[in-house]
Amino acid sequence: MKYAYLLILLLAPLRALAAVSEWVDFTLHNGHVYLPITVEGIDTHVLLDSGAQVHAINKAFIGKNNLDLSTGAKMRIQGVHDTEDRTTYNNVKVGLFGSEFELDKVVEFNLGHHSSGMLLGAGFFNPFIIQINYPEKKIRLLTRDSVDMNEASNVRSMDNRGNGMPIAEIGINGENFWFLVDTGSSSGIFMERRYASRAGLLDKVDGSESSRGVNSTGIQDVANADTVRFGPFEIADVKVSFPAPGETTNLKSQFSETRSRIKGKRIVGIIGYGLFQYFLLTMDYKTGKIHVSLPPEK
């Protein structure tokens, strides 16, 4: 991995941040960020997913603990590969960052082993600026009045004109594209096949892999981009995946309501952990402003 600064930016606006929370250690599993949490008084772990438009509870966690939750209306959920109606729950008791609260419209999903109880999406991120130090595996929340993200932002990004899903522009082999920023995605870069062609990636395919969404699975081709530009950094030899010939996909979060539509910029894919893993990422989910830097030296 090689880095080259494309511009010089003073990081002072981020040095004196008034944190809402202290730095909290998190666990990385397959590129996903997990925090300790209590759900209905039971200790478990939660996946933080900045691209998700819903909160979710693990079906296996419900079964393991024989939870009797208040059932809500069915919700139609669009994953990467398919669409499906899902059960929701109301008045789910949660404890996180020293606070106790209840959540409604929590969607039931298969989130793997019962030790992972929940996923928290947009509703968790909206009130705060969030900082994730990927190399040191730490996270904290900041008040929005503690930093001017208009000044600090060094990534071309936006909130996608009102639907709250942050998007960012990155360059792949010299071609610029807009992507959904998804901390819940374990992939590096996932994009539509026709835009992968525009970036010259179809001639660089070196294999295929199976991708599992919340509703179904699909086959993806994999190639390495010579260069990827992310904010002030240029990164060499980055893995990019895209649907194999004949495969279809919905380029939204793995956990999206079907009524949500991406408007404004043309979104060609999703960027996730594979790209973020070297950086300290600061993001205002409400405005879509993003700052990316290398973690400070100890």
Protein backbone atom coordinates (compact mmCIF):
# COMPACT_ATOMS: atom_id res chain seq x y z
CA MET A 1 0.00 0.00 0.00
CA LYS A 2 1.44 3.34 -1.04
CA TYR A 3 0.21 6.82 -0.16
CA ALA A 4 0.80 10.07 -2.02
CA TYR A 5 -0.60 13.38 -0.80
CA LEU A 6 -2.53 15.09 -3.56
CA LEU A 7 -2.92 18.26 -1.49
CA ILE A 8 -1.67 19.73 1.76
CA LEU A 9 -4.31 20.20 4.46
CA LEU A 10 -3.88 21.56 7.94
CA LEU A 11 -5.41 19.07 10.36
CA ALA A 12 -5.81 21.66 13.12
CA PRO A 13 -9.63 21.78 12.87
CA LEU A 14 -9.68 18.16 14.08
CA ARG A 15 -7.08 18.43 16.85
CA ALA A 16 -9.23 20.08 19.52
CA LEU A 17 -12.49 18.23 19.15
CA ALA A 18 -14.84 18.16 22.12
CA ALA A 19 -15.86 14.52 22.22
CA VAL A 20 -19.29 13.44 23.37
CA SER A 21 -17.80 10.09 24.27
CA GLU A 22 -14.34 8.85 25.13
CA TRP A 23 -12.55 6.68 22.62
CA VAL A 24 -14.11 3.22 22.82
CA ASP A 25 -12.39 0.06 21.60
CA PHE A 26 -14.24 -1.87 18.94
CA THR A 27 -13.82 -5.31 17.41
CA LEU A 28 -13.25 -5.87 13.71
CA HIS A 29 -14.72 -9.05 12.25
CA ASN A 30 -14.52 -9.61 8.50
CA GLY A 31 -14.13 -5.85 8.09
CA HIS A 32 -17.20 -4.99 10.18
CA VAL A 33 -17.12 -2.67 13.23
CA TYR A 34 -18.67 -4.23 16.37
CA LEU A 35 -19.25 -2.61 19.78
CA PRO A 36 -20.42 -4.11 23.10
CA ILE A 37 -24.12 -3.42 23.71
CA THR A 38 -27.03 -4.63 25.83
CA VAL A 39 -30.29 -5.63 24.13
CA GLU A 40 -33.23 -6.33 26.44
CA GLY A 41 -30.69 -6.43 29.28
CA ILE A 42 -28.54 -9.08 27.58
CA ASP A 43 -24.87 -8.45 26.79
CA THR A 44 -24.10 -8.81 23.09
CA HIS A 45 -22.41 -6.96 20.20
CA VAL A 46 -23.74 -4.48 17.65
CA LEU A 47 -22.61 -3.89 14.07
CA LEU A 48 -22.35 -0.20 13.12
CA ASP A 49 -23.38 0.40 9.51
CA SER A 50 -23.36 3.99 8.23
CA GLY A 51 -25.02 2.90 4.99
CA ALA A 52 -28.00 1.15 6.57
CA GLN A 53 -31.36 2.93 6.57
CA VAL A 54 -32.79 0.67 9.27
CA HIS A 55 -31.86 -0.86 12.61
CA ALA A 56 -31.80 -4.66 12.68
CA ILE A 57 -31.90 -7.43 15.29
CA ASN A 58 -30.43 -10.87 14.76
CA LYS A 59 -32.99 -13.67 14.38
CA ALA A 60 -30.52 -16.07 16.01
CA PHE A 61 -30.14 -13.73 19.01
CA ILE A 62 -33.91 -13.60 19.47
CA GLY A 63 -34.15 -17.39 19.34
CA LYS A 64 -31.15 -18.04 21.61
CA ASN A 65 -32.55 -15.77 24.34
CA ASN A 66 -36.25 -16.61 23.84
CA LEU A 67 -37.12 -12.92 23.49
CA ASP A 68 -40.79 -11.98 23.38
CA LEU A 69 -40.68 -8.67 21.49
CA SER A 70 -43.52 -6.40 20.43
CA THR A 71 -44.14 -7.09 16.74
CA GLY A 72 -44.59 -4.18 14.31
CA ALA A 73 -45.60 -3.94 10.66
CA LYS A 74 -43.78 -5.83 7.92
CA MET A 75 -41.11 -3.82 6.08
CA ARG A 76 -39.95 -4.41 2.51
CA ILE A 77 -36.15 -4.50 2.46
CA GLN A 78 -33.92 -4.17 -0.58
CA GLY A 79 -30.51 -5.83 -0.28
CA VAL A 80 -27.73 -5.92 -2.83
CA HIS A 81 -29.14 -8.93 -4.65
CA ASP A 82 -32.87 -9.19 -3.84
CA THR A 83 -35.94 -7.70 -2.12
CA GLU A 84 -37.92 -9.29 0.72
CA ASP A 85 -40.59 -8.48 3.35
CA ARG A 86 -39.24 -8.60 6.91
CA THR A 87 -40.70 -8.67 10.44
CA THR A 88 -40.14 -5.57 12.61
CA TYR A 89 -40.17 -5.05 16.40
CA ASN A 90 -40.98 -2.03 18.58
CA ASN A 91 -39.86 -0.92 22.07
CA VAL A 92 -36.56 -2.83 21.87
CA LYS A 93 -34.48 -1.86 24.93
CA VAL A 94 -30.85 -0.99 24.12
CA GLY A 95 -27.84 0.16 26.18
CA LEU A 96 -24.84 1.76 24.42
CA PHE A 97 -22.20 4.43 25.20
CA GLY A 98 -23.53 4.62 28.77
CA SER A 99 -27.09 5.44 27.67
CA GLU A 100 -30.32 3.45 27.79
CA PHE A 101 -32.98 3.90 25.10
CA GLU A 102 -35.71 2.11 23.16
CA LEU A 103 -35.89 1.54 19.41
CA ASP A 104 -38.91 1.04 17.16
CA LYS A 105 -39.14 -0.49 13.67
CA VAL A 106 -36.18 -2.79 14.34
CA VAL A 107 -36.04 -5.25 11.44
CA GLU A 108 -35.39 -8.97 11.94
CA PHE A 109 -32.42 -10.25 9.91
CA ASN A 110 -30.10 -13.22 9.79
CA LEU A 111 -26.92 -11.58 11.11
CA GLY A 112 -24.92 -14.75 11.72
CA HIS A 113 -24.01 -16.16 15.14
CA HIS A 114 -26.28 -15.23 18.05
CA SER A 115 -23.37 -13.41 19.76
CA SER A 116 -24.00 -10.53 17.33
CA GLY A 117 -27.30 -9.14 18.53
CA MET A 118 -27.98 -6.02 16.49
CA LEU A 119 -27.12 -3.67 13.64
CA LEU A 120 -27.47 0.09 14.10
CA GLY A 121 -27.92 2.25 11.01
CA ALA A 122 -28.81 5.82 10.09
CA GLY A 123 -30.73 6.68 13.26
CA PHE A 124 -27.62 6.07 15.35
CA PHE A 125 -25.31 8.20 13.21
CA ASN A 126 -27.59 11.18 12.52
CA PRO A 127 -27.27 13.17 15.79
CA PHE A 128 -23.47 13.11 15.87
CA ILE A 129 -20.19 13.38 14.03
CA ILE A 130 -18.52 9.99 14.25
CA GLN A 131 -14.80 9.26 14.26
CA ILE A 132 -13.51 5.77 13.48
CA ASN A 133 -9.81 5.06 13.88
CA TYR A 134 -9.57 1.86 11.87
CA PRO A 135 -5.87 0.97 12.44
CA GLU A 136 -6.17 1.39 16.24
CA LYS A 137 -9.73 0.00 16.38
CA LYS A 138 -11.23 2.91 18.29
CA ILE A 139 -14.41 4.96 17.86
CA ARG A 140 -15.91 8.08 19.44
CA LEU A 141 -18.84 10.44 18.94
CA LEU A 142 -18.56 14.24 18.64
CA THR A 143 -21.10 17.01 18.95
CA ARG A 144 -21.84 18.73 15.68
CA ASP A 145 -20.97 22.15 17.15
CA SER A 146 -17.49 20.97 18.19
CA VAL A 147 -15.99 21.02 14.69
CA ASP A 148 -16.67 22.88 11.45
CA MET A 149 -16.89 20.02 8.97
CA ASN A 150 -17.32 22.48 6.10
CA GLU A 151 -13.76 23.62 6.85
CA ALA A 152 -12.33 20.25 7.87
CA SER A 153 -13.78 18.14 5.05
CA ASN A 154 -11.16 16.95 2.58
CA VAL A 155 -13.24 14.46 0.60
CA ARG A 156 -15.72 15.55 -2.06
CA SER A 157 -18.91 14.24 -0.48
CA MET A 158 -22.54 15.04 0.30
CA ASP A 159 -25.66 13.66 1.98
CA ASN A 160 -27.25 12.86 -1.37
CA ARG A 161 -29.81 15.67 -1.26
CA GLY A 162 -31.89 14.74 1.70
CA ASN A 163 -32.07 10.96 2.01
CA GLY A 164 -29.29 10.95 4.59
CA MET A 165 -27.02 8.39 2.98
CA PRO A 166 -23.47 9.81 2.70
CA ILE A 167 -21.85 9.56 -0.70
CA ALA A 168 -18.29 10.38 -1.76
CA GLU A 169 -16.38 10.81 -5.00
CA ILE A 170 -13.30 8.66 -5.51
CA GLY A 171 -11.02 8.26 -8.50
CA ILE A 172 -10.27 4.83 -9.99
CA ASN A 173 -7.49 4.67 -12.58
CA GLY A 174 -8.06 8.37 -13.29
CA GLU A 175 -11.87 8.12 -13.66
CA ASN A 176 -14.08 9.81 -11.04
CA PHE A 177 -17.18 8.09 -9.63
CA TRP A 178 -19.67 8.60 -6.77
CA PHE A 179 -20.04 5.84 -4.15
CA LEU A 180 -22.17 5.15 -1.10
CA VAL A 181 -20.01 5.33 2.05
CA ASP A 182 -20.86 2.19 4.02
CA THR A 183 -18.98 1.32 7.23
CA GLY A 184 -20.99 -1.92 7.32
CA SER A 185 -19.50 -3.18 4.07
CA SER A 186 -16.51 -5.50 4.33
CA SER A 187 -15.55 -5.00 0.69
CA GLY A 188 -13.08 -2.41 -0.54
CA ILE A 189 -14.87 -1.08 -3.60
CA PHE A 190 -17.98 -2.62 -5.19
CA MET A 191 -19.32 -1.02 -8.38
CA GLU A 192 -21.54 -1.58 -11.40
CA ARG A 193 -19.93 -3.62 -14.15
CA ARG A 194 -20.37 -0.98 -16.88
CA TYR A 195 -18.49 1.59 -14.78
CA ALA A 196 -15.80 -0.95 -13.95
CA SER A 197 -15.38 -1.22 -17.71
CA ARG A 198 -14.99 2.56 -17.95
CA ALA A 199 -12.22 2.35 -15.35
CA GLY A 200 -10.44 -0.29 -17.44
CA LEU A 201 -11.01 -3.11 -14.94
CA LEU A 202 -12.65 -5.78 -17.11
CA ASP A 203 -9.29 -6.64 -18.66
CA LYS A 204 -7.77 -7.02 -15.19
CA VAL A 205 -10.18 -9.62 -13.74
CA ASP A 206 -8.17 -12.22 -11.81
CA GLY A 207 -10.98 -14.26 -10.26
CA SER A 208 -14.56 -14.43 -9.00
CA GLU A 209 -16.16 -14.75 -5.57
CA SER A 210 -19.56 -15.30 -4.00
CA SER A 211 -21.18 -12.30 -2.29
CA ARG A 212 -23.92 -12.76 0.28
CA GLY A 213 -26.49 -10.01 0.84
CA VAL A 214 -29.22 -9.96 3.48
CA ASN A 215 -31.71 -11.62 1.14
CA SER A 216 -29.67 -13.67 -1.36
CA THR A 217 -26.24 -14.34 -2.88
CA GLY A 218 -24.51 -13.33 -6.11
CA ILE A 219 -21.27 -13.86 -8.04
CA GLN A 220 -18.77 -11.02 -8.41
CA ASP A 221 -15.69 -10.60 -10.58
CA VAL A 222 -12.61 -9.21 -8.85
CA ALA A 223 -9.85 -6.98 -10.25
CA ASN A 224 -7.12 -4.73 -8.85
CA ALA A 225 -7.15 -1.03 -9.70
CA ASP A 226 -3.72 0.47 -10.35
CA THR A 227 -4.63 3.61 -8.38
CA VAL A 228 -7.54 4.83 -6.25
CA ARG A 229 -7.82 8.45 -5.08
CA PHE A 230 -9.65 8.96 -1.77
CA GLY A 231 -9.59 12.56 -0.52
CA PRO A 232 -5.94 13.70 -0.31
CA PHE A 233 -4.59 10.16 -0.68
CA GLU A 234 -3.72 8.04 -3.68
CA ILE A 235 -3.65 4.31 -2.98
CA ALA A 236 -2.04 1.69 -5.22
CA ASP A 237 -3.23 -1.82 -6.04
CA VAL A 238 -6.76 -1.75 -4.60
CA LYS A 239 -9.24 -4.62 -4.88
CA VAL A 240 -12.42 -3.76 -6.80
CA SER A 241 -15.38 -6.12 -7.26
CA PHE A 242 -18.35 -5.91 -9.64
CA PRO A 243 -21.19 -8.22 -10.76
CA ALA A 244 -20.15 -11.12 -12.97
CA PRO A 245 -21.72 -11.24 -16.46
CA GLY A 246 -25.46 -11.91 -16.19
CA GLU A 247 -25.66 -10.98 -12.50
CA THR A 248 -27.90 -8.14 -11.31
CA THR A 249 -27.54 -6.05 -8.18
CA ASN A 250 -29.15 -3.21 -6.22
CA LEU A 251 -26.44 -0.67 -5.44
CA LYS A 252 -27.69 0.43 -2.06
CA SER A 253 -26.96 -0.53 1.50
CA GLN A 254 -27.47 -4.16 2.44
CA PHE A 255 -30.28 -2.91 4.70
CA SER A 256 -32.44 -0.44 2.73
CA GLU A 257 -36.17 0.13 2.54
CA THR A 258 -37.38 -0.20 -1.05
CA ARG A 259 -39.18 3.13 -0.96
CA SER A 260 -35.86 4.98 -0.63
CA ARG A 261 -34.41 6.23 -3.91
CA ILE A 262 -30.95 7.60 -4.63
CA LYS A 263 -31.21 10.93 -6.40
CA GLY A 264 -28.80 13.62 -7.49
CA LYS A 265 -25.38 12.18 -8.25
CA ARG A 266 -25.10 8.93 -10.18
CA ILE A 267 -24.14 6.32 -7.58
CA VAL A 268 -22.07 3.55 -9.16
CA GLY A 269 -21.20 1.46 -6.11
CA ILE A 270 -20.30 1.08 -2.43
CA ILE A 271 -17.01 1.74 -0.61
CA GLY A 272 -16.26 0.00 2.67
CA TYR A 273 -13.70 -1.37 5.07
CA GLY A 274 -11.24 -2.53 2.43
CA LEU A 275 -10.67 1.14 1.56
CA PHE A 276 -11.10 2.63 5.07
CA GLN A 277 -8.85 0.21 6.99
CA TYR A 278 -5.73 2.41 6.87
CA PHE A 279 -7.40 5.67 7.91
CA LEU A 280 -8.96 7.78 10.63
CA LEU A 281 -12.40 8.55 9.19
CA THR A 282 -14.46 11.50 10.49
CA MET A 283 -17.98 11.76 9.13
CA ASP A 284 -21.01 13.98 9.67
CA TYR A 285 -23.73 11.62 8.60
CA LYS A 286 -26.37 14.36 8.51
CA THR A 287 -24.52 16.64 6.08
CA GLY A 288 -22.42 13.99 4.36
CA LYS A 289 -19.16 15.85 5.09
CA ILE A 290 -16.11 13.58 5.44
CA HIS A 291 -12.52 14.04 6.58
CA VAL A 292 -9.94 11.30 6.04
CA SER A 293 -6.42 11.21 7.49
CA LEU A 294 -3.76 8.84 8.74
CA PRO A 295 -4.01 8.26 12.53
CA PRO A 296 -1.68 10.51 14.56
CA GLU A 297 1.67 8.97 15.44
CA LYS A 298 1.99 7.82 19.03
